[in-house]
Amino acid sequence: MARLPSSSVTHQKLREHGLQPSKARVAIYEWLTTHPVHPTVDVVYNALRSHLSTLSRTTVYNVLHAFVECGLADKVHSEDLELRYDGNTSCHAHFKCTQCGSLTDLDTIPETVPQEVGLPKGYLTRTTAVTLWGLCPKCSIKHLR
């Protein structure tokens, strides 16, 4: 099990990003950053609702949206239009398993990707999202049998 960051560190991080550290924000941020599963709102809600009796899906959605807006999380769009969230805001790519649906962080990607793929002159890239699709190790073993 991943180690949870100390609440005081989380409180400070939230404040540094312009957010008041409410119970819900602290719990959601700590869960998001210690569970790199790229969760949906429902996954976060189901993971935390037994710990926070007043938690609602709307609260989870609003908190995750606020995290994205202030740079504490990123949105990850998948091909099935399912919106997921990522607590890892470093520049990195993803691998989506087409069998089990897992989404895995890959090491950093070069910031030169837009130029390498032939981005026309005059275009300005604000963000780069790279996702590779295939079979994860667990599913590829099953596939080879």
N, C-alpha and C. Protein backbone atom coordinates (compact mmCIF):
# COMPACT_ATOMS: atom_id res chain seq x y z
N MET A 1 0.84 -1.18 0.00
CA MET A 1 0.00 0.00 0.00
C MET A 1 0.88 1.24 0.00
N ALA A 2 0.49 2.23 -0.77
CA ALA A 2 1.27 3.46 -0.88
C ALA A 2 1.21 4.23 0.44
N ARG A 3 2.29 4.91 0.74
CA ARG A 3 2.37 5.70 1.96
C ARG A 3 1.67 7.04 1.73
N LEU A 4 0.80 7.41 2.66
CA LEU A 4 0.08 8.68 2.56
C LEU A 4 1.00 9.83 2.95
N PRO A 5 0.91 10.94 2.23
CA PRO A 5 1.68 12.11 2.65
C PRO A 5 1.11 12.63 3.97
N SER A 6 1.94 13.31 4.76
CA SER A 6 1.42 13.85 6.01
C SER A 6 0.44 14.96 5.70
N SER A 7 -0.60 15.05 6.50
CA SER A 7 -1.63 16.06 6.27
C SER A 7 -1.06 17.47 6.28
N SER A 8 -0.04 17.74 7.11
CA SER A 8 0.52 19.10 7.15
C SER A 8 1.17 19.45 5.83
N VAL A 9 1.82 18.48 5.18
CA VAL A 9 2.41 18.71 3.86
C VAL A 9 1.30 18.97 2.85
N THR A 10 0.23 18.21 2.93
CA THR A 10 -0.91 18.39 2.03
C THR A 10 -1.55 19.75 2.24
N HIS A 11 -1.74 20.14 3.48
CA HIS A 11 -2.30 21.46 3.79
C HIS A 11 -1.47 22.56 3.15
N GLN A 12 -0.15 22.46 3.31
CA GLN A 12 0.75 23.47 2.75
C GLN A 12 0.67 23.48 1.23
N LYS A 13 0.66 22.32 0.62
CA LYS A 13 0.60 22.22 -0.84
C LYS A 13 -0.69 22.85 -1.37
N LEU A 14 -1.81 22.55 -0.73
CA LEU A 14 -3.08 23.14 -1.15
C LEU A 14 -3.05 24.66 -1.03
N ARG A 15 -2.53 25.16 0.08
CA ARG A 15 -2.44 26.62 0.28
C ARG A 15 -1.55 27.27 -0.77
N GLU A 16 -0.42 26.61 -1.08
CA GLU A 16 0.49 27.14 -2.10
C GLU A 16 -0.19 27.28 -3.46
N HIS A 17 -1.21 26.47 -3.70
CA HIS A 17 -1.93 26.50 -4.96
C HIS A 17 -3.26 27.27 -4.86
N GLY A 18 -3.40 28.02 -3.77
CA GLY A 18 -4.56 28.91 -3.61
C GLY A 18 -5.83 28.24 -3.14
N LEU A 19 -5.72 27.07 -2.53
CA LEU A 19 -6.91 26.35 -2.05
C LEU A 19 -6.88 26.22 -0.53
N GLN A 20 -8.02 26.44 0.09
CA GLN A 20 -8.15 26.19 1.53
C GLN A 20 -8.21 24.68 1.73
N PRO A 21 -7.46 24.16 2.70
CA PRO A 21 -7.41 22.71 2.91
C PRO A 21 -8.61 22.16 3.70
N SER A 22 -9.74 21.99 3.04
CA SER A 22 -10.90 21.38 3.68
C SER A 22 -10.65 19.88 3.86
N LYS A 23 -11.49 19.24 4.67
CA LYS A 23 -11.36 17.79 4.88
C LYS A 23 -11.43 17.04 3.55
N ALA A 24 -12.40 17.42 2.73
CA ALA A 24 -12.58 16.73 1.44
C ALA A 24 -11.37 16.94 0.54
N ARG A 25 -10.87 18.17 0.45
CA ARG A 25 -9.72 18.44 -0.42
C ARG A 25 -8.49 17.67 0.03
N VAL A 26 -8.24 17.67 1.33
CA VAL A 26 -7.08 16.95 1.86
C VAL A 26 -7.21 15.45 1.56
N ALA A 27 -8.36 14.88 1.86
CA ALA A 27 -8.56 13.44 1.64
C ALA A 27 -8.44 13.07 0.16
N ILE A 28 -9.06 13.87 -0.69
CA ILE A 28 -9.02 13.57 -2.13
C ILE A 28 -7.61 13.72 -2.68
N TYR A 29 -6.91 14.79 -2.28
CA TYR A 29 -5.54 14.98 -2.78
C TYR A 29 -4.63 13.85 -2.31
N GLU A 30 -4.72 13.49 -1.05
CA GLU A 30 -3.86 12.41 -0.54
C GLU A 30 -4.17 11.09 -1.22
N TRP A 31 -5.45 10.82 -1.46
CA TRP A 31 -5.81 9.56 -2.14
C TRP A 31 -5.32 9.59 -3.59
N LEU A 32 -5.55 10.71 -4.27
CA LEU A 32 -5.17 10.82 -5.68
C LEU A 32 -3.67 10.66 -5.88
N THR A 33 -2.88 11.25 -5.00
CA THR A 33 -1.43 11.21 -5.18
C THR A 33 -0.79 9.91 -4.67
N THR A 34 -1.53 9.10 -3.96
CA THR A 34 -0.97 7.82 -3.48
C THR A 34 -1.58 6.62 -4.19
N HIS A 35 -2.51 6.86 -5.10
CA HIS A 35 -3.13 5.79 -5.88
C HIS A 35 -3.06 6.16 -7.37
N PRO A 36 -1.94 5.85 -8.02
CA PRO A 36 -1.76 6.28 -9.42
C PRO A 36 -2.56 5.43 -10.41
N VAL A 37 -3.87 5.37 -10.20
CA VAL A 37 -4.74 4.53 -11.04
C VAL A 37 -5.54 5.36 -12.04
N HIS A 38 -5.32 6.68 -12.06
CA HIS A 38 -6.04 7.56 -12.97
C HIS A 38 -7.54 7.39 -12.80
N PRO A 39 -8.04 7.72 -11.61
CA PRO A 39 -9.43 7.41 -11.28
C PRO A 39 -10.44 8.35 -11.93
N THR A 40 -11.66 7.86 -12.02
CA THR A 40 -12.81 8.68 -12.38
C THR A 40 -13.34 9.29 -11.08
N VAL A 41 -14.29 10.19 -11.20
CA VAL A 41 -14.95 10.76 -10.02
C VAL A 41 -15.55 9.65 -9.18
N ASP A 42 -16.22 8.69 -9.83
CA ASP A 42 -16.86 7.60 -9.10
C ASP A 42 -15.87 6.75 -8.33
N VAL A 43 -14.70 6.50 -8.90
CA VAL A 43 -13.68 5.70 -8.20
C VAL A 43 -13.23 6.42 -6.94
N VAL A 44 -12.96 7.71 -7.04
CA VAL A 44 -12.54 8.48 -5.86
C VAL A 44 -13.66 8.52 -4.82
N TYR A 45 -14.86 8.78 -5.28
CA TYR A 45 -16.01 8.83 -4.37
C TYR A 45 -16.18 7.51 -3.62
N ASN A 46 -16.16 6.40 -4.35
CA ASN A 46 -16.34 5.09 -3.72
C ASN A 46 -15.20 4.74 -2.76
N ALA A 47 -14.00 5.21 -3.06
CA ALA A 47 -12.85 4.93 -2.19
C ALA A 47 -12.92 5.71 -0.88
N LEU A 48 -13.53 6.90 -0.91
CA LEU A 48 -13.49 7.78 0.27
C LEU A 48 -14.80 7.94 1.02
N ARG A 49 -15.91 7.51 0.45
CA ARG A 49 -17.20 7.81 1.06
C ARG A 49 -17.38 7.20 2.45
N SER A 50 -16.75 6.07 2.71
CA SER A 50 -16.88 5.48 4.05
C SER A 50 -16.07 6.26 5.10
N HIS A 51 -15.07 7.03 4.65
CA HIS A 51 -14.24 7.82 5.56
C HIS A 51 -14.79 9.23 5.78
N LEU A 52 -15.53 9.73 4.79
CA LEU A 52 -16.10 11.08 4.88
C LEU A 52 -17.60 10.98 4.66
N SER A 53 -18.35 10.97 5.74
CA SER A 53 -19.79 10.74 5.64
C SER A 53 -20.53 11.81 4.85
N THR A 54 -19.99 13.01 4.77
CA THR A 54 -20.68 14.09 4.04
C THR A 54 -20.24 14.21 2.58
N LEU A 55 -19.36 13.34 2.14
CA LEU A 55 -18.83 13.40 0.79
C LEU A 55 -19.90 13.06 -0.25
N SER A 56 -19.94 13.85 -1.32
CA SER A 56 -20.86 13.56 -2.43
C SER A 56 -20.06 13.50 -3.72
N ARG A 57 -20.66 12.91 -4.74
CA ARG A 57 -20.00 12.88 -6.06
C ARG A 57 -19.75 14.30 -6.57
N THR A 58 -20.69 15.19 -6.32
CA THR A 58 -20.54 16.58 -6.74
C THR A 58 -19.32 17.21 -6.09
N THR A 59 -19.13 16.95 -4.80
CA THR A 59 -17.97 17.48 -4.10
C THR A 59 -16.69 16.94 -4.72
N VAL A 60 -16.64 15.64 -4.98
CA VAL A 60 -15.45 15.04 -5.59
C VAL A 60 -15.18 15.68 -6.94
N TYR A 61 -16.22 15.82 -7.76
CA TYR A 61 -16.06 16.44 -9.07
C TYR A 61 -15.52 17.86 -8.93
N ASN A 62 -16.12 18.66 -8.05
CA ASN A 62 -15.71 20.05 -7.87
C ASN A 62 -14.27 20.16 -7.35
N VAL A 63 -13.90 19.29 -6.43
CA VAL A 63 -12.54 19.31 -5.89
C VAL A 63 -11.54 18.92 -6.97
N LEU A 64 -11.82 17.85 -7.72
CA LEU A 64 -10.90 17.45 -8.78
C LEU A 64 -10.79 18.54 -9.85
N HIS A 65 -11.90 19.17 -10.18
CA HIS A 65 -11.88 20.28 -11.14
C HIS A 65 -11.00 21.42 -10.62
N ALA A 66 -11.13 21.74 -9.34
CA ALA A 66 -10.30 22.79 -8.73
C ALA A 66 -8.82 22.41 -8.77
N PHE A 67 -8.52 21.13 -8.52
CA PHE A 67 -7.13 20.67 -8.59
C PHE A 67 -6.56 20.86 -9.99
N VAL A 68 -7.35 20.56 -11.00
CA VAL A 68 -6.91 20.74 -12.39
C VAL A 68 -6.67 22.22 -12.67
N GLU A 69 -7.61 23.04 -12.24
CA GLU A 69 -7.51 24.48 -12.50
C GLU A 69 -6.27 25.11 -11.86
N CYS A 70 -5.87 24.63 -10.69
CA CYS A 70 -4.72 25.23 -10.01
C CYS A 70 -3.42 24.47 -10.24
N GLY A 71 -3.46 23.40 -11.03
CA GLY A 71 -2.24 22.68 -11.38
C GLY A 71 -1.84 21.55 -10.47
N LEU A 72 -2.74 21.11 -9.58
CA LEU A 72 -2.43 19.98 -8.70
C LEU A 72 -2.77 18.63 -9.32
N ALA A 73 -3.50 18.63 -10.41
CA ALA A 73 -3.88 17.38 -11.09
C ALA A 73 -4.09 17.69 -12.57
N ASP A 74 -4.11 16.64 -13.35
CA ASP A 74 -4.39 16.76 -14.78
C ASP A 74 -5.58 15.90 -15.14
N LYS A 75 -6.28 16.30 -16.19
CA LYS A 75 -7.35 15.47 -16.75
C LYS A 75 -6.72 14.52 -17.75
N VAL A 76 -7.20 13.29 -17.76
CA VAL A 76 -6.76 12.32 -18.74
C VAL A 76 -8.00 11.85 -19.48
N HIS A 77 -8.05 12.13 -20.75
CA HIS A 77 -9.19 11.72 -21.58
C HIS A 77 -8.85 10.39 -22.23
N SER A 78 -9.75 9.45 -22.14
CA SER A 78 -9.52 8.17 -22.80
C SER A 78 -10.41 8.07 -24.02
N GLU A 79 -10.16 7.08 -24.84
CA GLU A 79 -10.87 6.96 -26.11
C GLU A 79 -12.37 6.72 -25.93
N ASP A 80 -12.78 6.26 -24.78
CA ASP A 80 -14.20 6.01 -24.54
C ASP A 80 -14.88 7.22 -23.88
N LEU A 81 -14.21 8.37 -23.94
CA LEU A 81 -14.71 9.64 -23.40
C LEU A 81 -14.89 9.62 -21.89
N GLU A 82 -14.26 8.68 -21.23
CA GLU A 82 -14.31 8.61 -19.78
C GLU A 82 -13.23 9.55 -19.22
N LEU A 83 -13.64 10.50 -18.41
CA LEU A 83 -12.70 11.46 -17.86
C LEU A 83 -12.07 10.89 -16.60
N ARG A 84 -10.76 10.85 -16.60
CA ARG A 84 -10.00 10.38 -15.45
C ARG A 84 -9.09 11.51 -14.97
N TYR A 85 -8.56 11.35 -13.78
CA TYR A 85 -7.70 12.38 -13.19
C TYR A 85 -6.36 11.78 -12.81
N ASP A 86 -5.32 12.61 -12.88
CA ASP A 86 -3.96 12.15 -12.63
C ASP A 86 -3.30 13.11 -11.65
N GLY A 87 -2.84 12.58 -10.52
CA GLY A 87 -2.15 13.39 -9.53
C GLY A 87 -0.69 13.64 -9.90
N ASN A 88 -0.21 12.96 -10.92
CA ASN A 88 1.15 13.16 -11.41
C ASN A 88 1.11 14.23 -12.50
N THR A 89 1.54 15.43 -12.17
CA THR A 89 1.46 16.54 -13.13
C THR A 89 2.76 16.76 -13.90
N SER A 90 3.73 15.88 -13.71
CA SER A 90 4.96 16.00 -14.49
C SER A 90 4.66 15.62 -15.94
N CYS A 91 5.53 16.02 -16.84
CA CYS A 91 5.36 15.71 -18.25
C CYS A 91 5.62 14.21 -18.44
N HIS A 92 4.58 13.47 -18.78
CA HIS A 92 4.73 12.03 -18.97
C HIS A 92 3.66 11.51 -19.93
N ALA A 93 3.85 10.30 -20.38
CA ALA A 93 2.91 9.67 -21.29
C ALA A 93 2.12 8.60 -20.53
N HIS A 94 1.15 8.01 -21.21
CA HIS A 94 0.33 6.94 -20.62
C HIS A 94 0.30 5.74 -21.55
N PHE A 95 0.09 4.58 -20.95
CA PHE A 95 -0.15 3.35 -21.70
C PHE A 95 -1.50 2.81 -21.26
N LYS A 96 -2.41 2.63 -22.20
CA LYS A 96 -3.76 2.13 -21.91
C LYS A 96 -3.86 0.70 -22.41
N CYS A 97 -4.16 -0.23 -21.49
CA CYS A 97 -4.34 -1.62 -21.86
C CYS A 97 -5.71 -1.79 -22.50
N THR A 98 -5.72 -2.31 -23.71
CA THR A 98 -6.98 -2.49 -24.43
C THR A 98 -7.76 -3.70 -23.94
N GLN A 99 -7.15 -4.51 -23.09
CA GLN A 99 -7.81 -5.70 -22.55
C GLN A 99 -8.48 -5.39 -21.21
N CYS A 100 -7.69 -4.94 -20.24
CA CYS A 100 -8.23 -4.73 -18.87
C CYS A 100 -8.59 -3.27 -18.59
N GLY A 101 -8.15 -2.35 -19.44
CA GLY A 101 -8.49 -0.94 -19.26
C GLY A 101 -7.57 -0.17 -18.34
N SER A 102 -6.52 -0.81 -17.82
CA SER A 102 -5.61 -0.09 -16.92
C SER A 102 -4.90 1.03 -17.67
N LEU A 103 -4.58 2.08 -16.95
CA LEU A 103 -3.88 3.22 -17.51
C LEU A 103 -2.63 3.43 -16.67
N THR A 104 -1.47 3.32 -17.28
CA THR A 104 -0.20 3.34 -16.57
C THR A 104 0.63 4.54 -16.98
N ASP A 105 1.27 5.20 -16.01
CA ASP A 105 2.18 6.30 -16.33
C ASP A 105 3.45 5.72 -16.94
N LEU A 106 3.96 6.40 -17.97
CA LEU A 106 5.25 6.07 -18.56
C LEU A 106 6.21 7.19 -18.19
N ASP A 107 7.49 6.92 -18.35
CA ASP A 107 8.49 7.94 -18.03
C ASP A 107 8.23 9.21 -18.83
N THR A 108 8.94 10.22 -18.49
CA THR A 108 8.76 11.52 -19.13
C THR A 108 8.89 11.40 -20.65
N ILE A 109 8.22 12.32 -21.32
CA ILE A 109 8.31 12.39 -22.78
C ILE A 109 9.07 13.67 -23.13
N PRO A 110 9.77 13.67 -24.24
CA PRO A 110 10.51 14.87 -24.60
C PRO A 110 9.59 16.04 -24.87
N GLU A 111 9.98 17.22 -24.43
CA GLU A 111 9.18 18.41 -24.69
C GLU A 111 9.19 18.79 -26.16
N THR A 112 10.04 18.13 -26.94
CA THR A 112 10.13 18.42 -28.37
C THR A 112 9.13 17.62 -29.20
N VAL A 113 8.26 16.85 -28.55
CA VAL A 113 7.30 16.03 -29.29
C VAL A 113 6.50 16.82 -30.32
N PRO A 114 5.95 18.01 -29.99
CA PRO A 114 5.19 18.74 -31.01
C PRO A 114 6.01 19.03 -32.28
N GLN A 115 7.29 19.37 -32.11
CA GLN A 115 8.13 19.62 -33.28
C GLN A 115 8.44 18.33 -34.01
N GLU A 116 8.66 17.25 -33.26
CA GLU A 116 9.01 15.98 -33.86
C GLU A 116 7.87 15.39 -34.69
N VAL A 117 6.64 15.70 -34.33
CA VAL A 117 5.50 15.18 -35.10
C VAL A 117 5.09 16.13 -36.21
N GLY A 118 5.83 17.22 -36.37
CA GLY A 118 5.58 18.12 -37.48
C GLY A 118 4.54 19.19 -37.22
N LEU A 119 4.50 19.73 -36.01
CA LEU A 119 3.57 20.81 -35.72
C LEU A 119 3.91 22.00 -36.62
N PRO A 120 2.95 22.49 -37.39
CA PRO A 120 3.23 23.59 -38.31
C PRO A 120 3.73 24.84 -37.60
N LYS A 121 4.53 25.60 -38.31
CA LYS A 121 5.09 26.83 -37.78
C LYS A 121 3.96 27.78 -37.38
N GLY A 122 4.14 28.45 -36.25
CA GLY A 122 3.15 29.41 -35.79
C GLY A 122 2.19 28.85 -34.75
N TYR A 123 2.12 27.54 -34.62
CA TYR A 123 1.26 26.94 -33.60
C TYR A 123 2.01 26.92 -32.28
N LEU A 124 1.28 27.14 -31.20
CA LEU A 124 1.88 27.15 -29.87
C LEU A 124 1.24 26.03 -29.04
N THR A 125 2.05 25.11 -28.58
CA THR A 125 1.57 23.99 -27.77
C THR A 125 1.49 24.41 -26.32
N ARG A 126 0.34 24.15 -25.71
CA ARG A 126 0.18 24.44 -24.27
C ARG A 126 0.39 23.18 -23.45
N THR A 127 -0.01 22.06 -23.99
CA THR A 127 0.16 20.78 -23.30
C THR A 127 0.27 19.68 -24.35
N THR A 128 0.91 18.61 -23.97
CA THR A 128 1.06 17.47 -24.86
C THR A 128 0.56 16.23 -24.14
N ALA A 129 -0.31 15.49 -24.79
CA ALA A 129 -0.82 14.24 -24.22
C ALA A 129 -0.46 13.10 -25.17
N VAL A 130 0.26 12.14 -24.64
CA VAL A 130 0.65 10.99 -25.45
C VAL A 130 0.12 9.74 -24.75
N THR A 131 -0.65 8.96 -25.49
CA THR A 131 -1.16 7.69 -24.96
C THR A 131 -0.86 6.60 -25.96
N LEU A 132 -0.29 5.53 -25.47
CA LEU A 132 -0.04 4.34 -26.28
C LEU A 132 -1.06 3.29 -25.87
N TRP A 133 -1.55 2.52 -26.82
CA TRP A 133 -2.52 1.47 -26.53
C TRP A 133 -1.94 0.11 -26.88
N GLY A 134 -2.29 -0.89 -26.09
CA GLY A 134 -1.81 -2.24 -26.31
C GLY A 134 -2.19 -3.11 -25.13
N LEU A 135 -1.37 -4.11 -24.87
CA LEU A 135 -1.64 -5.03 -23.76
C LEU A 135 -0.61 -4.82 -22.66
N CYS A 136 -1.10 -4.71 -21.42
CA CYS A 136 -0.20 -4.60 -20.27
C CYS A 136 0.47 -5.97 -20.06
N PRO A 137 1.51 -6.04 -19.23
CA PRO A 137 2.19 -7.33 -19.02
C PRO A 137 1.26 -8.45 -18.56
N LYS A 138 0.33 -8.14 -17.65
CA LYS A 138 -0.59 -9.17 -17.16
C LYS A 138 -1.47 -9.71 -18.29
N CYS A 139 -1.99 -8.82 -19.11
CA CYS A 139 -2.87 -9.24 -20.20
C CYS A 139 -2.11 -9.86 -21.37
N SER A 140 -0.88 -9.41 -21.60
CA SER A 140 -0.12 -9.98 -22.72
C SER A 140 0.27 -11.43 -22.44
N ILE A 141 0.50 -11.76 -21.17
CA ILE A 141 0.78 -13.15 -20.81
C ILE A 141 -0.43 -14.01 -21.10
N LYS A 142 -1.61 -13.56 -20.73
CA LYS A 142 -2.85 -14.29 -21.02
C LYS A 142 -3.06 -14.43 -22.51
N HIS A 143 -2.73 -13.39 -23.25
CA HIS A 143 -2.94 -13.37 -24.70
C HIS A 143 -2.02 -14.39 -25.42
N LEU A 144 -0.81 -14.58 -24.87
CA LEU A 144 0.16 -15.49 -25.49
C LEU A 144 -0.11 -16.96 -25.21
N ARG A 145 -0.97 -17.23 -24.23
CA ARG A 145 -1.26 -18.63 -23.86
C ARG A 145 -2.14 -19.29 -24.87
